[in-house]
């Protein structure tokens, strides 16, 4: 009996089983006879994985073209991030990639500069279900690792869950947010999992991506950028090399999950990315974008009122909005409704 003649039966089973997609895992299919017919793998790829998320190219399209469009079109005021994040992702997930370790990036900057926004753009581009994908694991500092006295438990949890995710799908994405609010030492066991030849049991970690988001060194970035600009350097002419040594040193020495971590000592973090503080023009641009999200043309009067009443600037240089573009969504929503 050929596969085509069996296909109606297969689809019929999908329709009548109470929870068809969960029920038709490969082992279960073998138990009901499809494995015996040598159709289990084909059935999963062409039927099961068409209806549910699998660790394959359909569910993980890795659409770097879309990521490029989004970064260039929607990320405001972050030329260094755009210049380095996109090539790093493309090199790691590309068809010709021959990576021997996970891609590890650490994003640093003040609130409202776009760190979470970029992490979500990456997830949306790589996975069909975006940030909701079961292959995207996100941790929040205060919610997941709130108490320093439990750091030992947190290390065990991270070690266990990272291993489980990688065994389930080697192309997993891990996002650790609010790293500055995590207790020091929480990532000590992670260092070995993101290094070369991390797993003796054959688990593949080389296709995974780890992203750390932190406000650590945000004020250092702002101060350094302000000094560069006062010295005559244009913001757009600054480069990663102007900030990366500063970020590495600050992350290692300032309070937070990366303080004195073996991850920095072992040099397993591939890129330290600065998210530059927002100037007035960038905040105005963010407000214009928010009006667009509501399907409205920017209202200059409302924008001027928000800028005058809600935006504060740093005391040292008087150039940078302290909260960046954070809270602007609610300000615009309140003003136009």
C-alpha atoms as a PDB file:
ATOM      1  CA  UNK A   1       0.000   0.000   0.000  1.00  0.00           C
ATOM      2  CA  UNK A   2       1.554   3.334  -1.060  1.00  0.00           C
ATOM      3  CA  UNK A   3       1.845   6.410   1.134  1.00  0.00           C
ATOM      4  CA  UNK A   4      -0.655   8.384  -0.933  1.00  0.00           C
ATOM      5  CA  UNK A   5      -3.322   5.779  -0.275  1.00  0.00           C
ATOM      6  CA  UNK A   6      -2.557   6.005   3.453  1.00  0.00           C
ATOM      7  CA  UNK A   7      -2.657   9.802   3.573  1.00  0.00           C
ATOM      8  CA  UNK A   8      -6.479  10.077   4.011  1.00  0.00           C
ATOM      9  CA  UNK A   9      -6.241   7.664   6.928  1.00  0.00           C
ATOM     10  CA  UNK A  10      -3.468   9.742   8.505  1.00  0.00           C
ATOM     11  CA  UNK A  11      -5.400  12.964   8.128  1.00  0.00           C
ATOM     12  CA  UNK A  12      -8.520  11.262   9.420  1.00  0.00           C
ATOM     13  CA  UNK A  13      -6.696  10.302  12.586  1.00  0.00           C
ATOM     14  CA  UNK A  14      -5.659  13.915  13.012  1.00  0.00           C
ATOM     15  CA  UNK A  15      -9.295  14.943  12.866  1.00  0.00           C
ATOM     16  CA  UNK A  16     -10.716  12.389  15.318  1.00  0.00           C
ATOM     17  CA  UNK A  17      -8.057  12.261  18.013  1.00  0.00           C
ATOM     18  CA  UNK A  18      -8.998  14.495  20.984  1.00  0.00           C
ATOM     19  CA  UNK A  19      -5.602  16.259  20.971  1.00  0.00           C
ATOM     20  CA  UNK A  20      -4.210  15.236  17.602  1.00  0.00           C
ATOM     21  CA  UNK A  21      -1.000  17.221  17.464  1.00  0.00           C
ATOM     22  CA  UNK A  22       0.111  16.312  20.948  1.00  0.00           C
ATOM     23  CA  UNK A  23      -0.948  12.725  20.405  1.00  0.00           C
ATOM     24  CA  UNK A  24       1.047  12.186  17.235  1.00  0.00           C
ATOM     25  CA  UNK A  25       4.567  12.534  18.572  1.00  0.00           C
ATOM     26  CA  UNK A  26       7.001  10.221  16.726  1.00  0.00           C
ATOM     27  CA  UNK A  27       7.073   7.545  19.450  1.00  0.00           C
ATOM     28  CA  UNK A  28       3.296   7.453  19.631  1.00  0.00           C
ATOM     29  CA  UNK A  29       3.052   7.204  15.864  1.00  0.00           C
ATOM     30  CA  UNK A  30       5.408   4.258  15.987  1.00  0.00           C
ATOM     31  CA  UNK A  31       3.157   2.611  18.552  1.00  0.00           C
ATOM     32  CA  UNK A  32       0.122   2.891  16.298  1.00  0.00           C
ATOM     33  CA  UNK A  33       1.905   1.447  13.326  1.00  0.00           C
ATOM     34  CA  UNK A  34       3.246   4.269  11.205  1.00  0.00           C
ATOM     35  CA  UNK A  35       6.806   3.670  12.389  1.00  0.00           C
ATOM     36  CA  UNK A  36       6.495   0.076  11.327  1.00  0.00           C
ATOM     37  CA  UNK A  37       5.574   1.250   7.866  1.00  0.00           C
ATOM     38  CA  UNK A  38       8.667   3.447   7.723  1.00  0.00           C
ATOM     39  CA  UNK A  39       6.486   6.568   7.435  1.00  0.00           C
ATOM     40  CA  UNK A  40       7.068   8.148  10.841  1.00  0.00           C
ATOM     41  CA  UNK A  41       9.734  10.625   9.807  1.00  0.00           C
ATOM     42  CA  UNK A  42       8.015  11.560   6.561  1.00  0.00           C
ATOM     43  CA  UNK A  43       4.669  11.912   8.334  1.00  0.00           C
ATOM     44  CA  UNK A  44       6.143  14.201  10.991  1.00  0.00           C
ATOM     45  CA  UNK A  45       7.911  16.456   8.498  1.00  0.00           C
ATOM     46  CA  UNK A  46       5.027  16.775   6.071  1.00  0.00           C
ATOM     47  CA  UNK A  47       2.000  16.602   8.362  1.00  0.00           C
ATOM     48  CA  UNK A  48       2.721  16.997  12.069  1.00  0.00           C
ATOM     49  CA  UNK A  49       5.251  19.822  11.632  1.00  0.00           C
ATOM     50  CA  UNK A  50       2.952  21.636   9.255  1.00  0.00           C
ATOM     51  CA  UNK A  51       0.507  22.190  12.111  1.00  0.00           C
ATOM     52  CA  UNK A  52       2.752  22.659  15.122  1.00  0.00           C
ATOM     53  CA  UNK A  53       6.139  24.159  15.902  1.00  0.00           C
ATOM     54  CA  UNK A  54       9.147  21.968  15.217  1.00  0.00           C
ATOM     55  CA  UNK A  55      12.873  22.625  15.309  1.00  0.00           C
ATOM     56  CA  UNK A  56      13.079  22.935  11.537  1.00  0.00           C
ATOM     57  CA  UNK A  57      13.414  25.528   8.783  1.00  0.00           C
ATOM     58  CA  UNK A  58       9.668  26.117   8.568  1.00  0.00           C
ATOM     59  CA  UNK A  59       9.356  27.098  12.233  1.00  0.00           C
ATOM     60  CA  UNK A  60      12.804  28.725  12.331  1.00  0.00           C
ATOM     61  CA  UNK A  61      13.107  30.529   8.973  1.00  0.00           C
ATOM     62  CA  UNK A  62      15.908  32.819  10.240  1.00  0.00           C
ATOM     63  CA  UNK A  63      14.717  35.678   8.045  1.00  0.00           C
ATOM     64  CA  UNK A  64      17.735  37.968   8.255  1.00  0.00           C
ATOM     65  CA  UNK A  65      16.411  40.017   5.350  1.00  0.00           C
ATOM     66  CA  UNK A  66      13.399  40.972   7.445  1.00  0.00           C
ATOM     67  CA  UNK A  67      15.674  41.722  10.393  1.00  0.00           C
ATOM     68  CA  UNK A  68      17.740  44.069   8.239  1.00  0.00           C
ATOM     69  CA  UNK A  69      14.634  45.959   7.128  1.00  0.00           C
ATOM     70  CA  UNK A  70      13.363  46.270  10.688  1.00  0.00           C
ATOM     71  CA  UNK A  71      16.669  47.399  12.154  1.00  0.00           C
ATOM     72  CA  UNK A  72      17.329  49.975   9.454  1.00  0.00           C
ATOM     73  CA  UNK A  73      13.736  51.184   9.378  1.00  0.00           C
ATOM     74  CA  UNK A  74      12.632  51.145  13.013  1.00  0.00           C
ATOM     75  CA  UNK A  75      15.647  51.320  15.329  1.00  0.00           C
ATOM     76  CA  UNK A  76      16.189  54.966  16.225  1.00  0.00           C
ATOM     77  CA  UNK A  77      19.554  56.503  17.023  1.00  0.00           C
ATOM     78  CA  UNK A  78      21.567  53.276  17.255  1.00  0.00           C
ATOM     79  CA  UNK A  79      23.955  53.119  14.326  1.00  0.00           C
ATOM     80  CA  UNK A  80      26.529  51.010  16.205  1.00  0.00           C
ATOM     81  CA  UNK A  81      23.954  48.382  17.162  1.00  0.00           C
ATOM     82  CA  UNK A  82      22.694  48.152  13.574  1.00  0.00           C
ATOM     83  CA  UNK A  83      26.214  47.949  12.155  1.00  0.00           C
ATOM     84  CA  UNK A  84      27.240  45.015  14.339  1.00  0.00           C
ATOM     85  CA  UNK A  85      24.188  43.029  15.424  1.00  0.00           C
ATOM     86  CA  UNK A  86      22.917  42.298  11.926  1.00  0.00           C
ATOM     87  CA  UNK A  87      26.223  40.918  10.543  1.00  0.00           C
ATOM     88  CA  UNK A  88      26.718  38.876  13.710  1.00  0.00           C
ATOM     89  CA  UNK A  89      23.291  37.244  13.358  1.00  0.00           C
ATOM     90  CA  UNK A  90      23.699  36.689   9.614  1.00  0.00           C
ATOM     91  CA  UNK A  91      27.095  35.040  10.039  1.00  0.00           C
ATOM     92  CA  UNK A  92      25.785  32.767  12.787  1.00  0.00           C
ATOM     93  CA  UNK A  93      22.521  31.539  11.226  1.00  0.00           C
ATOM     94  CA  UNK A  94      23.508  31.645   7.547  1.00  0.00           C
ATOM     95  CA  UNK A  95      23.512  28.484   5.446  1.00  0.00           C
ATOM     96  CA  UNK A  96      27.295  28.634   5.204  1.00  0.00           C
ATOM     97  CA  UNK A  97      27.771  29.091   8.931  1.00  0.00           C
ATOM     98  CA  UNK A  98      30.422  26.873  10.463  1.00  0.00           C
ATOM     99  CA  UNK A  99      30.150  28.157  14.015  1.00  0.00           C
ATOM    100  CA  UNK A 100      31.888  26.168  16.733  1.00  0.00           C
ATOM    101  CA  UNK A 101      30.210  27.950  19.666  1.00  0.00           C
ATOM    102  CA  UNK A 102      26.978  29.823  20.424  1.00  0.00           C
ATOM    103  CA  UNK A 103      26.661  33.484  19.481  1.00  0.00           C
ATOM    104  CA  UNK A 104      26.798  35.490  22.728  1.00  0.00           C
ATOM    105  CA  UNK A 105      25.968  39.207  22.773  1.00  0.00           C
ATOM    106  CA  UNK A 106      25.646  41.653  25.648  1.00  0.00           C
ATOM    107  CA  UNK A 107      23.527  44.793  25.095  1.00  0.00           C
ATOM    108  CA  UNK A 108      24.209  47.771  27.364  1.00  0.00           C
ATOM    109  CA  UNK A 109      22.517  51.134  27.660  1.00  0.00           C
ATOM    110  CA  UNK A 110      20.130  53.353  29.572  1.00  0.00           C
ATOM    111  CA  UNK A 111      16.387  52.567  29.695  1.00  0.00           C
ATOM    112  CA  UNK A 112      14.444  53.428  26.566  1.00  0.00           C
ATOM    113  CA  UNK A 113      17.325  53.057  24.116  1.00  0.00           C
ATOM    114  CA  UNK A 114      16.039  49.956  22.306  1.00  0.00           C
ATOM    115  CA  UNK A 115      17.685  46.915  23.879  1.00  0.00           C
ATOM    116  CA  UNK A 116      14.467  44.940  24.404  1.00  0.00           C
ATOM    117  CA  UNK A 117      13.106  46.193  21.103  1.00  0.00           C
ATOM    118  CA  UNK A 118      16.084  44.730  19.222  1.00  0.00           C
ATOM    119  CA  UNK A 119      15.936  41.439  21.136  1.00  0.00           C
ATOM    120  CA  UNK A 120      12.277  41.093  20.117  1.00  0.00           C
ATOM    121  CA  UNK A 121      13.116  41.963  16.491  1.00  0.00           C
ATOM    122  CA  UNK A 122      15.697  39.173  16.483  1.00  0.00           C
ATOM    123  CA  UNK A 123      13.204  36.667  17.876  1.00  0.00           C
ATOM    124  CA  UNK A 124      10.531  37.751  15.374  1.00  0.00           C
ATOM    125  CA  UNK A 125      12.943  37.377  12.462  1.00  0.00           C
ATOM    126  CA  UNK A 126      14.379  34.014  13.468  1.00  0.00           C
ATOM    127  CA  UNK A 127      11.206  32.207  14.572  1.00  0.00           C
ATOM    128  CA  UNK A 128       7.849  31.858  12.882  1.00  0.00           C
ATOM    129  CA  UNK A 129       6.135  32.427  16.234  1.00  0.00           C
ATOM    130  CA  UNK A 130       8.555  35.169  17.264  1.00  0.00           C
ATOM    131  CA  UNK A 131       9.023  35.771  20.983  1.00  0.00           C
ATOM    132  CA  UNK A 132       6.189  33.326  21.695  1.00  0.00           C
ATOM    133  CA  UNK A 133       8.159  30.440  20.214  1.00  0.00           C
ATOM    134  CA  UNK A 134       8.823  27.553  22.548  1.00  0.00           C
ATOM    135  CA  UNK A 135      12.433  27.795  21.366  1.00  0.00           C
ATOM    136  CA  UNK A 136      12.821  31.289  22.835  1.00  0.00           C
ATOM    137  CA  UNK A 137      13.619  31.315  26.558  1.00  0.00           C
ATOM    138  CA  UNK A 138      13.423  34.682  28.292  1.00  0.00           C
ATOM    139  CA  UNK A 139      14.425  35.429  31.869  1.00  0.00           C
ATOM    140  CA  UNK A 140      13.764  38.606  33.877  1.00  0.00           C
ATOM    141  CA  UNK A 141      16.223  39.598  36.586  1.00  0.00           C
ATOM    142  CA  UNK A 142      13.872  40.701  39.340  1.00  0.00           C
ATOM    143  CA  UNK A 143      11.194  38.117  38.590  1.00  0.00           C
ATOM    144  CA  UNK A 144      13.355  35.028  38.059  1.00  0.00           C
ATOM    145  CA  UNK A 145      16.441  35.682  40.190  1.00  0.00           C
ATOM    146  CA  UNK A 146      15.415  38.139  42.919  1.00  0.00           C
ATOM    147  CA  UNK A 147      17.381  37.005  45.994  1.00  0.00           C
ATOM    148  CA  UNK A 148      21.175  36.866  46.243  1.00  0.00           C
ATOM    149  CA  UNK A 149      21.085  34.169  48.931  1.00  0.00           C
ATOM    150  CA  UNK A 150      19.504  31.767  46.434  1.00  0.00           C
ATOM    151  CA  UNK A 151      22.153  32.225  43.744  1.00  0.00           C
ATOM    152  CA  UNK A 152      23.159  28.563  44.033  1.00  0.00           C
ATOM    153  CA  UNK A 153      19.626  27.467  43.141  1.00  0.00           C
ATOM    154  CA  UNK A 154      19.506  29.954  40.276  1.00  0.00           C
ATOM    155  CA  UNK A 155      22.752  28.611  38.808  1.00  0.00           C
ATOM    156  CA  UNK A 156      21.387  25.076  38.917  1.00  0.00           C
ATOM    157  CA  UNK A 157      18.144  26.212  37.294  1.00  0.00           C
ATOM    158  CA  UNK A 158      19.933  28.004  34.444  1.00  0.00           C
ATOM    159  CA  UNK A 159      22.229  25.039  33.875  1.00  0.00           C
ATOM    160  CA  UNK A 160      19.320  22.591  33.800  1.00  0.00           C
ATOM    161  CA  UNK A 161      16.970  24.658  31.640  1.00  0.00           C
ATOM    162  CA  UNK A 162      19.606  25.665  29.094  1.00  0.00           C
ATOM    163  CA  UNK A 163      20.590  22.032  28.650  1.00  0.00           C
ATOM    164  CA  UNK A 164      16.945  20.977  28.279  1.00  0.00           C
ATOM    165  CA  UNK A 165      16.237  23.677  25.704  1.00  0.00           C
ATOM    166  CA  UNK A 166      19.310  22.794  23.660  1.00  0.00           C
ATOM    167  CA  UNK A 167      18.445  19.093  23.653  1.00  0.00           C
ATOM    168  CA  UNK A 168      14.940  19.979  22.497  1.00  0.00           C
ATOM    169  CA  UNK A 169      16.214  22.376  19.815  1.00  0.00           C
ATOM    170  CA  UNK A 170      19.851  23.296  19.182  1.00  0.00           C
ATOM    171  CA  UNK A 171      18.662  26.493  17.461  1.00  0.00           C
ATOM    172  CA  UNK A 172      17.257  27.995  20.660  1.00  0.00           C
ATOM    173  CA  UNK A 173      17.448  31.673  21.623  1.00  0.00           C
ATOM    174  CA  UNK A 174      18.072  32.698  25.243  1.00  0.00           C
ATOM    175  CA  UNK A 175      17.350  36.265  26.376  1.00  0.00           C
ATOM    176  CA  UNK A 176      18.402  37.384  29.852  1.00  0.00           C
ATOM    177  CA  UNK A 177      16.806  40.759  30.642  1.00  0.00           C
ATOM    178  CA  UNK A 178      17.577  43.034  33.605  1.00  0.00           C
ATOM    179  CA  UNK A 179      21.000  41.490  34.045  1.00  0.00           C
ATOM    180  CA  UNK A 180      21.971  44.473  36.207  1.00  0.00           C
ATOM    181  CA  UNK A 181      19.299  43.380  38.707  1.00  0.00           C
ATOM    182  CA  UNK A 182      20.544  39.785  38.962  1.00  0.00           C
ATOM    183  CA  UNK A 183      22.849  38.645  41.778  1.00  0.00           C
ATOM    184  CA  UNK A 184      26.563  38.246  40.967  1.00  0.00           C
ATOM    185  CA  UNK A 185      27.595  34.685  40.189  1.00  0.00           C
ATOM    186  CA  UNK A 186      24.270  33.648  38.668  1.00  0.00           C
ATOM    187  CA  UNK A 187      25.905  32.939  35.287  1.00  0.00           C
ATOM    188  CA  UNK A 188      28.964  31.074  36.529  1.00  0.00           C
ATOM    189  CA  UNK A 189      27.695  27.668  35.379  1.00  0.00           C
ATOM    190  CA  UNK A 190      26.549  29.137  32.074  1.00  0.00           C
ATOM    191  CA  UNK A 191      30.095  30.054  31.049  1.00  0.00           C
ATOM    192  CA  UNK A 192      30.976  26.447  30.242  1.00  0.00           C
ATOM    193  CA  UNK A 193      27.746  25.924  28.280  1.00  0.00           C
ATOM    194  CA  UNK A 194      28.447  28.745  25.819  1.00  0.00           C
ATOM    195  CA  UNK A 195      32.085  27.909  25.215  1.00  0.00           C
ATOM    196  CA  UNK A 196      33.671  25.668  22.606  1.00  0.00           C
ATOM    197  CA  UNK A 197      33.064  21.904  22.943  1.00  0.00           C
ATOM    198  CA  UNK A 198      30.732  22.435  25.884  1.00  0.00           C
ATOM    199  CA  UNK A 199      28.850  19.120  25.859  1.00  0.00           C
ATOM    200  CA  UNK A 200      30.396  15.688  26.195  1.00  0.00           C
ATOM    201  CA  UNK A 201      27.050  13.983  25.523  1.00  0.00           C
ATOM    202  CA  UNK A 202      26.814  15.234  21.942  1.00  0.00           C
ATOM    203  CA  UNK A 203      24.287  18.011  22.592  1.00  0.00           C
ATOM    204  CA  UNK A 204      24.782  20.693  19.927  1.00  0.00           C
ATOM    205  CA  UNK A 205      25.097  24.215  21.319  1.00  0.00           C
ATOM    206  CA  UNK A 206      26.792  25.774  18.289  1.00  0.00           C
ATOM    207  CA  UNK A 207      23.568  27.006  16.634  1.00  0.00           C
ATOM    208  CA  UNK A 208      22.122  28.741  19.694  1.00  0.00           C
ATOM    209  CA  UNK A 209      22.142  32.451  20.552  1.00  0.00           C
ATOM    210  CA  UNK A 210      22.444  34.078  23.978  1.00  0.00           C
ATOM    211  CA  UNK A 211      21.570  37.763  24.518  1.00  0.00           C
ATOM    212  CA  UNK A 212      22.097  39.668  27.757  1.00  0.00           C
ATOM    213  CA  UNK A 213      20.289  42.987  28.304  1.00  0.00           C
ATOM    214  CA  UNK A 214      21.532  45.377  30.941  1.00  0.00           C
ATOM    215  CA  UNK A 215      21.345  48.998  32.067  1.00  0.00           C
ATOM    216  CA  UNK A 216      24.854  48.512  33.440  1.00  0.00           C
ATOM    217  CA  UNK A 217      27.251  51.159  32.139  1.00  0.00           C
ATOM    218  CA  UNK A 218      24.400  53.209  30.661  1.00  0.00           C
ATOM    219  CA  UNK A 219      25.629  56.329  32.420  1.00  0.00           C
ATOM    220  CA  UNK A 220      29.213  55.493  31.421  1.00  0.00           C
ATOM    221  CA  UNK A 221      28.155  55.273  27.768  1.00  0.00           C
ATOM    222  CA  UNK A 222      26.356  58.607  27.999  1.00  0.00           C
ATOM    223  CA  UNK A 223      29.276  60.331  29.696  1.00  0.00           C
ATOM    224  CA  UNK A 224      31.814  58.942  27.233  1.00  0.00           C
ATOM    225  CA  UNK A 225      29.668  59.863  24.233  1.00  0.00           C
ATOM    226  CA  UNK A 226      29.127  63.370  25.625  1.00  0.00           C
ATOM    227  CA  UNK A 227      32.875  63.854  25.999  1.00  0.00           C
ATOM    228  CA  UNK A 228      33.542  62.580  22.480  1.00  0.00           C
ATOM    229  CA  UNK A 229      30.952  64.966  21.054  1.00  0.00           C
ATOM    230  CA  UNK A 230      32.297  67.908  23.035  1.00  0.00           C
ATOM    231  CA  UNK A 231      35.712  67.032  21.630  1.00  0.00           C
ATOM    232  CA  UNK A 232      34.351  67.508  18.122  1.00  0.00           C
ATOM    233  CA  UNK A 233      33.396  63.947  17.164  1.00  0.00           C
ATOM    234  CA  UNK A 234      30.007  63.481  15.555  1.00  0.00           C
ATOM    235  CA  UNK A 235      27.688  60.943  17.166  1.00  0.00           C
ATOM    236  CA  UNK A 236      27.345  59.128  13.828  1.00  0.00           C
ATOM    237  CA  UNK A 237      31.131  58.812  13.568  1.00  0.00           C
ATOM    238  CA  UNK A 238      31.511  56.909  16.833  1.00  0.00           C
ATOM    239  CA  UNK A 239      32.405  53.245  16.522  1.00  0.00           C
ATOM    240  CA  UNK A 240      32.151  50.078  18.581  1.00  0.00           C
ATOM    241  CA  UNK A 241      35.829  50.387  19.462  1.00  0.00           C
ATOM    242  CA  UNK A 242      35.032  53.655  21.254  1.00  0.00           C
ATOM    243  CA  UNK A 243      32.861  51.792  23.772  1.00  0.00           C
ATOM    244  CA  UNK A 244      33.571  48.054  23.869  1.00  0.00           C
ATOM    245  CA  UNK A 245      36.548  48.130  26.299  1.00  0.00           C
ATOM    246  CA  UNK A 246      34.538  50.416  28.595  1.00  0.00           C
ATOM    247  CA  UNK A 247      31.567  48.023  28.532  1.00  0.00           C
ATOM    248  CA  UNK A 248      33.650  44.947  29.235  1.00  0.00           C
ATOM    249  CA  UNK A 249      35.318  46.623  32.209  1.00  0.00           C
ATOM    250  CA  UNK A 250      32.083  48.065  33.600  1.00  0.00           C
ATOM    251  CA  UNK A 251      30.144  44.795  33.242  1.00  0.00           C
ATOM    252  CA  UNK A 252      32.871  42.958  35.137  1.00  0.00           C
ATOM    253  CA  UNK A 253      33.187  45.465  37.970  1.00  0.00           C
ATOM    254  CA  UNK A 254      29.695  46.915  38.490  1.00  0.00           C
ATOM    255  CA  UNK A 255      26.924  45.198  40.459  1.00  0.00           C
ATOM    256  CA  UNK A 256      24.799  42.749  38.507  1.00  0.00           C
ATOM    257  CA  UNK A 257      24.739  39.258  37.081  1.00  0.00           C
ATOM    258  CA  UNK A 258      27.943  39.748  35.087  1.00  0.00           C
ATOM    259  CA  UNK A 259      30.016  41.070  38.000  1.00  0.00           C
ATOM    260  CA  UNK A 260      33.273  39.099  38.303  1.00  0.00           C
ATOM    261  CA  UNK A 261      31.700  36.422  36.124  1.00  0.00           C
ATOM    262  CA  UNK A 262      33.716  33.657  34.545  1.00  0.00           C
ATOM    263  CA  UNK A 263      31.872  34.432  31.303  1.00  0.00           C
ATOM    264  CA  UNK A 264      33.903  37.620  30.949  1.00  0.00           C
ATOM    265  CA  UNK A 265      37.091  36.029  32.270  1.00  0.00           C
ATOM    266  CA  UNK A 266      36.741  33.186  29.752  1.00  0.00           C
ATOM    267  CA  UNK A 267      36.052  35.635  26.873  1.00  0.00           C
ATOM    268  CA  UNK A 268      32.941  33.783  25.740  1.00  0.00           C
ATOM    269  CA  UNK A 269      30.921  36.979  25.150  1.00  0.00           C
ATOM    270  CA  UNK A 270      31.447  37.708  21.467  1.00  0.00           C
ATOM    271  CA  UNK A 271      30.059  41.241  21.255  1.00  0.00           C
ATOM    272  CA  UNK A 272      29.470  44.031  23.768  1.00  0.00           C
ATOM    273  CA  UNK A 273      26.980  46.354  22.069  1.00  0.00           C
ATOM    274  CA  UNK A 274      26.443  49.929  23.323  1.00  0.00           C
ATOM    275  CA  UNK A 275      22.982  51.438  22.981  1.00  0.00           C
ATOM    276  CA  UNK A 276      23.639  55.154  22.866  1.00  0.00           C
ATOM    277  CA  UNK A 277      21.567  57.636  24.901  1.00  0.00           C
ATOM    278  CA  UNK A 278      18.782  59.445  23.071  1.00  0.00           C
ATOM    279  CA  UNK A 279      19.056  63.093  22.127  1.00  0.00           C
ATOM    280  CA  UNK A 280      16.077  65.418  21.664  1.00  0.00           C
ATOM    281  CA  UNK A 281      15.771  64.688  17.938  1.00  0.00           C
ATOM    282  CA  UNK A 282      15.609  60.948  18.628  1.00  0.00           C
ATOM    283  CA  UNK A 283      12.861  61.372  21.231  1.00  0.00           C
ATOM    284  CA  UNK A 284      10.839  63.492  18.792  1.00  0.00           C
ATOM    285  CA  UNK A 285      11.284  60.733  16.206  1.00  0.00           C
ATOM    286  CA  UNK A 286       9.992  58.177  18.716  1.00  0.00           C
ATOM    287  CA  UNK A 287       6.920  60.348  19.362  1.00  0.00           C
ATOM    288  CA  UNK A 288       6.247  60.587  15.630  1.00  0.00           C
ATOM    289  CA  UNK A 289       6.424  56.804  15.381  1.00  0.00           C
ATOM    290  CA  UNK A 290       3.893  56.480  18.213  1.00  0.00           C
ATOM    291  CA  UNK A 291       1.458  58.731  16.358  1.00  0.00           C
ATOM    292  CA  UNK A 292       1.910  56.485  13.329  1.00  0.00           C
ATOM    293  CA  UNK A 293       1.032  53.435  15.402  1.00  0.00           C
ATOM    294  CA  UNK A 294      -2.307  55.096  16.152  1.00  0.00           C
ATOM    295  CA  UNK A 295      -2.819  55.824  12.468  1.00  0.00           C
ATOM    296  CA  UNK A 296      -2.518  59.573  13.023  1.00  0.00           C
ATOM    297  CA  UNK A 297      -0.271  62.306  11.665  1.00  0.00           C
ATOM    298  CA  UNK A 298       2.168  63.724  14.226  1.00  0.00           C
ATOM    299  CA  UNK A 299       0.668  66.621  16.167  1.00  0.00           C
ATOM    300  CA  UNK A 300       3.404  69.194  16.738  1.00  0.00           C
ATOM    301  CA  UNK A 301       1.571  70.884  19.578  1.00  0.00           C
ATOM    302  CA  UNK A 302       1.188  67.617  21.503  1.00  0.00           C
ATOM    303  CA  UNK A 303       4.796  66.649  20.768  1.00  0.00           C
ATOM    304  CA  UNK A 304       6.066  69.998  22.060  1.00  0.00           C
ATOM    305  CA  UNK A 305       3.930  69.648  25.199  1.00  0.00           C
ATOM    306  CA  UNK A 306       5.242  66.150  25.917  1.00  0.00           C
ATOM    307  CA  UNK A 307       8.829  67.225  25.302  1.00  0.00           C
ATOM    308  CA  UNK A 308       8.426  70.189  27.659  1.00  0.00           C
ATOM    309  CA  UNK A 309       6.583  68.406  30.458  1.00  0.00           C
ATOM    310  CA  UNK A 310       7.869  64.840  30.437  1.00  0.00           C
ATOM    311  CA  UNK A 311      11.447  64.730  29.109  1.00  0.00           C
ATOM    312  CA  UNK A 312      14.399  65.353  31.427  1.00  0.00           C
ATOM    313  CA  UNK A 313      18.019  65.543  30.331  1.00  0.00           C
ATOM    314  CA  UNK A 314      21.270  64.449  31.954  1.00  0.00           C
ATOM    315  CA  UNK A 315      22.884  66.969  34.270  1.00  0.00           C
ATOM    316  CA  UNK A 316      26.427  66.516  33.011  1.00  0.00           C
ATOM    317  CA  UNK A 317      25.987  67.319  29.338  1.00  0.00           C
ATOM    318  CA  UNK A 318      22.358  68.404  29.053  1.00  0.00           C
ATOM    319  CA  UNK A 319      22.125  66.413  25.812  1.00  0.00           C
ATOM    320  CA  UNK A 320      20.581  63.052  26.590  1.00  0.00           C
ATOM    321  CA  UNK A 321      17.025  62.157  27.613  1.00  0.00           C
ATOM    322  CA  UNK A 322      17.298  60.265  30.900  1.00  0.00           C
ATOM    323  CA  UNK A 323      14.492  57.796  30.124  1.00  0.00           C
ATOM    324  CA  UNK A 324      15.088  57.671  26.376  1.00  0.00           C
ATOM    325  CA  UNK A 325      11.936  56.704  24.517  1.00  0.00           C
ATOM    326  CA  UNK A 326      10.492  54.760  27.431  1.00  0.00           C
ATOM    327  CA  UNK A 327       6.982  55.783  28.586  1.00  0.00           C
ATOM    328  CA  UNK A 328       6.308  57.689  25.343  1.00  0.00           C
ATOM    329  CA  UNK A 329       3.737  55.135  24.210  1.00  0.00           C
ATOM    330  CA  UNK A 330       1.513  55.946  27.183  1.00  0.00           C
ATOM    331  CA  UNK A 331       2.104  59.692  26.884  1.00  0.00           C
ATOM    332  CA  UNK A 332       0.878  59.737  23.283  1.00  0.00           C
ATOM    333  CA  UNK A 333      -2.036  57.407  24.024  1.00  0.00           C
ATOM    334  CA  UNK A 334      -3.202  59.678  26.838  1.00  0.00           C
ATOM    335  CA  UNK A 335      -2.840  62.819  24.718  1.00  0.00           C
ATOM    336  CA  UNK A 336      -4.836  61.656  21.719  1.00  0.00           C
ATOM    337  CA  UNK A 337      -7.645  59.810  23.513  1.00  0.00           C
END
